[in-house]
């Protein structure tokens, strides 16, 4: 069961992911990995938000739809 806060991200749907991307640099060690599930239409926006941490990559699910952002935090 997901908390309501995890299901309601805001009007754009990316607000929670943007907050994670903005704050991850403060709590992650260099070389650490962040991986988050995303909506199938959010790839470009989420990739841009996570690019502040390093080389953000968008990966597809089994149907070929954008589904995950993965980024290794650069030192």
N, C-alpha and C. Protein backbone atom coordinates (compact mmCIF):
# COMPACT_ATOMS: atom_id res chain seq x y z
N UNK A 1 0.83 -1.17 0.00
CA UNK A 1 0.00 0.00 0.00
C UNK A 1 0.88 1.24 0.00
N UNK A 2 0.70 2.09 -0.96
CA UNK A 2 1.51 3.30 -1.10
C UNK A 2 0.88 4.46 -0.33
N UNK A 3 1.69 5.28 0.33
CA UNK A 3 1.13 6.47 0.97
C UNK A 3 0.61 7.44 -0.10
N UNK A 4 -0.41 8.19 0.22
CA UNK A 4 -1.01 9.14 -0.72
C UNK A 4 0.05 10.07 -1.30
N UNK A 5 0.98 10.52 -0.46
CA UNK A 5 2.04 11.43 -0.90
C UNK A 5 2.86 10.83 -2.04
N UNK A 6 3.02 9.51 -2.05
CA UNK A 6 3.80 8.86 -3.11
C UNK A 6 3.01 8.77 -4.41
N UNK A 7 1.71 8.83 -4.34
CA UNK A 7 0.86 8.66 -5.52
C UNK A 7 0.46 9.98 -6.17
N UNK A 8 0.46 11.05 -5.41
CA UNK A 8 0.04 12.36 -5.91
C UNK A 8 1.29 13.25 -5.99
N UNK A 9 1.83 13.37 -7.18
CA UNK A 9 3.12 14.06 -7.33
C UNK A 9 2.98 15.55 -7.58
N UNK A 10 1.82 16.03 -7.91
CA UNK A 10 1.63 17.44 -8.23
C UNK A 10 1.04 17.58 -9.61
N UNK A 11 0.79 18.80 -10.06
CA UNK A 11 0.11 19.02 -11.34
C UNK A 11 0.86 18.47 -12.55
N UNK A 12 2.19 18.51 -12.51
CA UNK A 12 2.98 18.01 -13.65
C UNK A 12 3.26 16.52 -13.54
N UNK A 13 3.18 16.00 -12.32
CA UNK A 13 3.46 14.58 -12.10
C UNK A 13 4.92 14.27 -11.86
N UNK A 14 5.77 15.27 -11.91
CA UNK A 14 7.21 15.04 -11.74
C UNK A 14 7.78 15.72 -10.50
N UNK A 15 6.94 16.37 -9.73
CA UNK A 15 7.43 17.16 -8.60
C UNK A 15 8.20 16.34 -7.57
N UNK A 16 7.73 15.16 -7.25
CA UNK A 16 8.44 14.32 -6.27
C UNK A 16 9.80 13.90 -6.83
N UNK A 17 9.84 13.51 -8.08
CA UNK A 17 11.11 13.12 -8.70
C UNK A 17 12.07 14.31 -8.76
N UNK A 18 11.56 15.48 -9.04
CA UNK A 18 12.42 16.67 -9.07
C UNK A 18 12.99 16.97 -7.69
N UNK A 19 12.19 16.76 -6.63
CA UNK A 19 12.70 16.96 -5.27
C UNK A 19 13.78 15.93 -4.93
N UNK A 20 13.58 14.70 -5.36
CA UNK A 20 14.61 13.66 -5.13
C UNK A 20 15.90 14.06 -5.83
N UNK A 21 15.79 14.47 -7.09
CA UNK A 21 16.98 14.85 -7.86
C UNK A 21 17.69 16.04 -7.22
N UNK A 22 16.92 17.02 -6.76
CA UNK A 22 17.52 18.22 -6.18
C UNK A 22 18.22 17.92 -4.85
N UNK A 23 17.73 16.96 -4.09
CA UNK A 23 18.29 16.69 -2.78
C UNK A 23 19.28 15.54 -2.72
N UNK A 24 19.32 14.70 -3.72
CA UNK A 24 20.14 13.49 -3.67
C UNK A 24 21.62 13.79 -3.51
N UNK A 25 22.10 14.87 -4.08
CA UNK A 25 23.51 15.21 -3.96
C UNK A 25 23.95 15.46 -2.53
N UNK A 26 23.01 15.81 -1.66
CA UNK A 26 23.34 16.08 -0.26
C UNK A 26 23.50 14.80 0.57
N UNK A 27 22.84 13.73 0.19
CA UNK A 27 22.89 12.51 0.99
C UNK A 27 23.54 11.32 0.31
N UNK A 28 23.94 11.48 -0.94
CA UNK A 28 24.58 10.38 -1.65
C UNK A 28 26.09 10.52 -1.65
N UNK A 29 26.76 9.41 -1.53
CA UNK A 29 28.22 9.39 -1.65
C UNK A 29 28.60 9.45 -3.13
N UNK A 30 29.76 10.01 -3.45
CA UNK A 30 30.23 9.98 -4.84
C UNK A 30 30.25 8.54 -5.35
N UNK A 31 29.75 8.35 -6.54
CA UNK A 31 29.67 7.01 -7.11
C UNK A 31 28.40 6.28 -6.76
N UNK A 32 27.57 6.87 -5.87
CA UNK A 32 26.30 6.25 -5.49
C UNK A 32 25.34 6.23 -6.66
N UNK A 33 24.36 5.38 -6.60
CA UNK A 33 23.40 5.19 -7.69
C UNK A 33 22.00 5.55 -7.24
N UNK A 34 21.29 6.30 -8.07
CA UNK A 34 19.88 6.60 -7.84
C UNK A 34 19.11 5.95 -8.99
N UNK A 35 18.05 5.24 -8.65
CA UNK A 35 17.17 4.65 -9.66
C UNK A 35 15.73 4.88 -9.21
N UNK A 36 14.92 5.46 -10.08
CA UNK A 36 13.53 5.75 -9.76
C UNK A 36 12.63 5.32 -10.92
N UNK A 37 11.46 4.85 -10.58
CA UNK A 37 10.45 4.57 -11.59
C UNK A 37 9.83 5.88 -12.03
N UNK A 38 9.54 5.99 -13.32
CA UNK A 38 8.92 7.21 -13.87
C UNK A 38 7.73 6.83 -14.72
N UNK A 39 6.91 7.83 -15.03
CA UNK A 39 5.80 7.64 -15.95
C UNK A 39 6.32 7.60 -17.37
N UNK A 40 5.61 6.93 -18.23
CA UNK A 40 6.07 6.71 -19.61
C UNK A 40 6.24 7.99 -20.42
N UNK A 41 5.63 9.09 -19.99
CA UNK A 41 5.76 10.36 -20.72
C UNK A 41 6.70 11.33 -20.03
N UNK A 42 7.38 10.92 -18.98
CA UNK A 42 8.17 11.83 -18.16
C UNK A 42 9.67 11.78 -18.44
N UNK A 43 10.11 10.96 -19.36
CA UNK A 43 11.54 10.73 -19.58
C UNK A 43 12.38 11.97 -19.76
N UNK A 44 12.02 12.86 -20.65
CA UNK A 44 12.84 14.03 -20.94
C UNK A 44 12.95 14.97 -19.75
N UNK A 45 11.83 15.24 -19.10
CA UNK A 45 11.82 16.15 -17.96
C UNK A 45 12.61 15.57 -16.79
N UNK A 46 12.41 14.30 -16.51
CA UNK A 46 13.09 13.65 -15.39
C UNK A 46 14.59 13.52 -15.68
N UNK A 47 14.95 13.21 -16.91
CA UNK A 47 16.37 13.12 -17.26
C UNK A 47 17.07 14.45 -17.02
N UNK A 48 16.42 15.53 -17.41
CA UNK A 48 17.00 16.86 -17.19
C UNK A 48 17.17 17.14 -15.70
N UNK A 49 16.17 16.80 -14.90
CA UNK A 49 16.25 17.05 -13.45
C UNK A 49 17.39 16.26 -12.81
N UNK A 50 17.56 15.01 -13.21
CA UNK A 50 18.58 14.15 -12.60
C UNK A 50 19.97 14.39 -13.18
N UNK A 51 20.07 15.10 -14.28
CA UNK A 51 21.37 15.36 -14.90
C UNK A 51 22.28 16.21 -14.02
N UNK A 52 21.72 16.91 -13.04
CA UNK A 52 22.56 17.69 -12.12
C UNK A 52 23.44 16.77 -11.27
N UNK A 53 23.08 15.49 -11.17
CA UNK A 53 23.84 14.53 -10.37
C UNK A 53 24.92 13.82 -11.17
N UNK A 54 24.73 13.71 -12.47
CA UNK A 54 25.66 12.96 -13.32
C UNK A 54 24.98 12.60 -14.63
N UNK A 55 25.45 11.53 -15.25
CA UNK A 55 24.92 11.09 -16.53
C UNK A 55 23.62 10.30 -16.33
N UNK A 56 22.49 11.00 -16.35
CA UNK A 56 21.19 10.36 -16.16
C UNK A 56 20.80 9.60 -17.42
N UNK A 57 20.31 8.38 -17.23
CA UNK A 57 19.86 7.56 -18.34
C UNK A 57 18.42 7.14 -18.11
N UNK A 58 17.64 7.16 -19.16
CA UNK A 58 16.26 6.68 -19.11
C UNK A 58 16.25 5.29 -19.70
N UNK A 59 15.62 4.36 -18.99
CA UNK A 59 15.57 2.96 -19.43
C UNK A 59 14.12 2.55 -19.61
N UNK A 60 13.87 1.69 -20.60
CA UNK A 60 12.49 1.26 -20.88
C UNK A 60 12.06 0.05 -20.05
N UNK A 61 10.74 -0.14 -20.01
CA UNK A 61 10.19 -1.36 -19.43
C UNK A 61 10.12 -2.42 -20.53
N UNK A 62 9.51 -3.54 -20.25
CA UNK A 62 9.45 -4.63 -21.23
C UNK A 62 8.60 -4.29 -22.46
N UNK A 63 7.74 -3.29 -22.34
CA UNK A 63 6.93 -2.85 -23.48
C UNK A 63 7.65 -1.78 -24.30
N UNK A 64 8.85 -1.40 -23.89
CA UNK A 64 9.62 -0.40 -24.62
C UNK A 64 9.30 1.04 -24.24
N UNK A 65 8.51 1.23 -23.18
CA UNK A 65 8.14 2.57 -22.74
C UNK A 65 9.12 3.08 -21.69
N UNK A 66 9.40 4.39 -21.71
CA UNK A 66 10.26 4.97 -20.68
C UNK A 66 9.69 4.59 -19.31
N UNK A 67 10.55 4.05 -18.42
CA UNK A 67 10.02 3.59 -17.13
C UNK A 67 10.95 3.87 -15.95
N UNK A 68 12.24 4.05 -16.19
CA UNK A 68 13.19 4.24 -15.08
C UNK A 68 14.21 5.32 -15.43
N UNK A 69 14.62 6.05 -14.42
CA UNK A 69 15.77 6.93 -14.56
C UNK A 69 16.85 6.33 -13.66
N UNK A 70 18.06 6.28 -14.19
CA UNK A 70 19.20 5.77 -13.45
C UNK A 70 20.34 6.75 -13.60
N UNK A 71 20.96 7.12 -12.48
CA UNK A 71 22.09 8.03 -12.53
C UNK A 71 23.07 7.69 -11.43
N UNK A 72 24.34 7.67 -11.78
CA UNK A 72 25.41 7.48 -10.80
C UNK A 72 25.94 8.86 -10.45
N UNK A 73 25.96 9.16 -9.16
CA UNK A 73 26.39 10.49 -8.71
C UNK A 73 27.88 10.67 -8.94
N UNK A 74 28.21 11.74 -9.60
CA UNK A 74 29.62 12.03 -9.89
C UNK A 74 30.25 12.74 -8.70
N UNK A 75 31.54 12.50 -8.48
CA UNK A 75 32.24 13.16 -7.37
C UNK A 75 32.33 14.66 -7.58
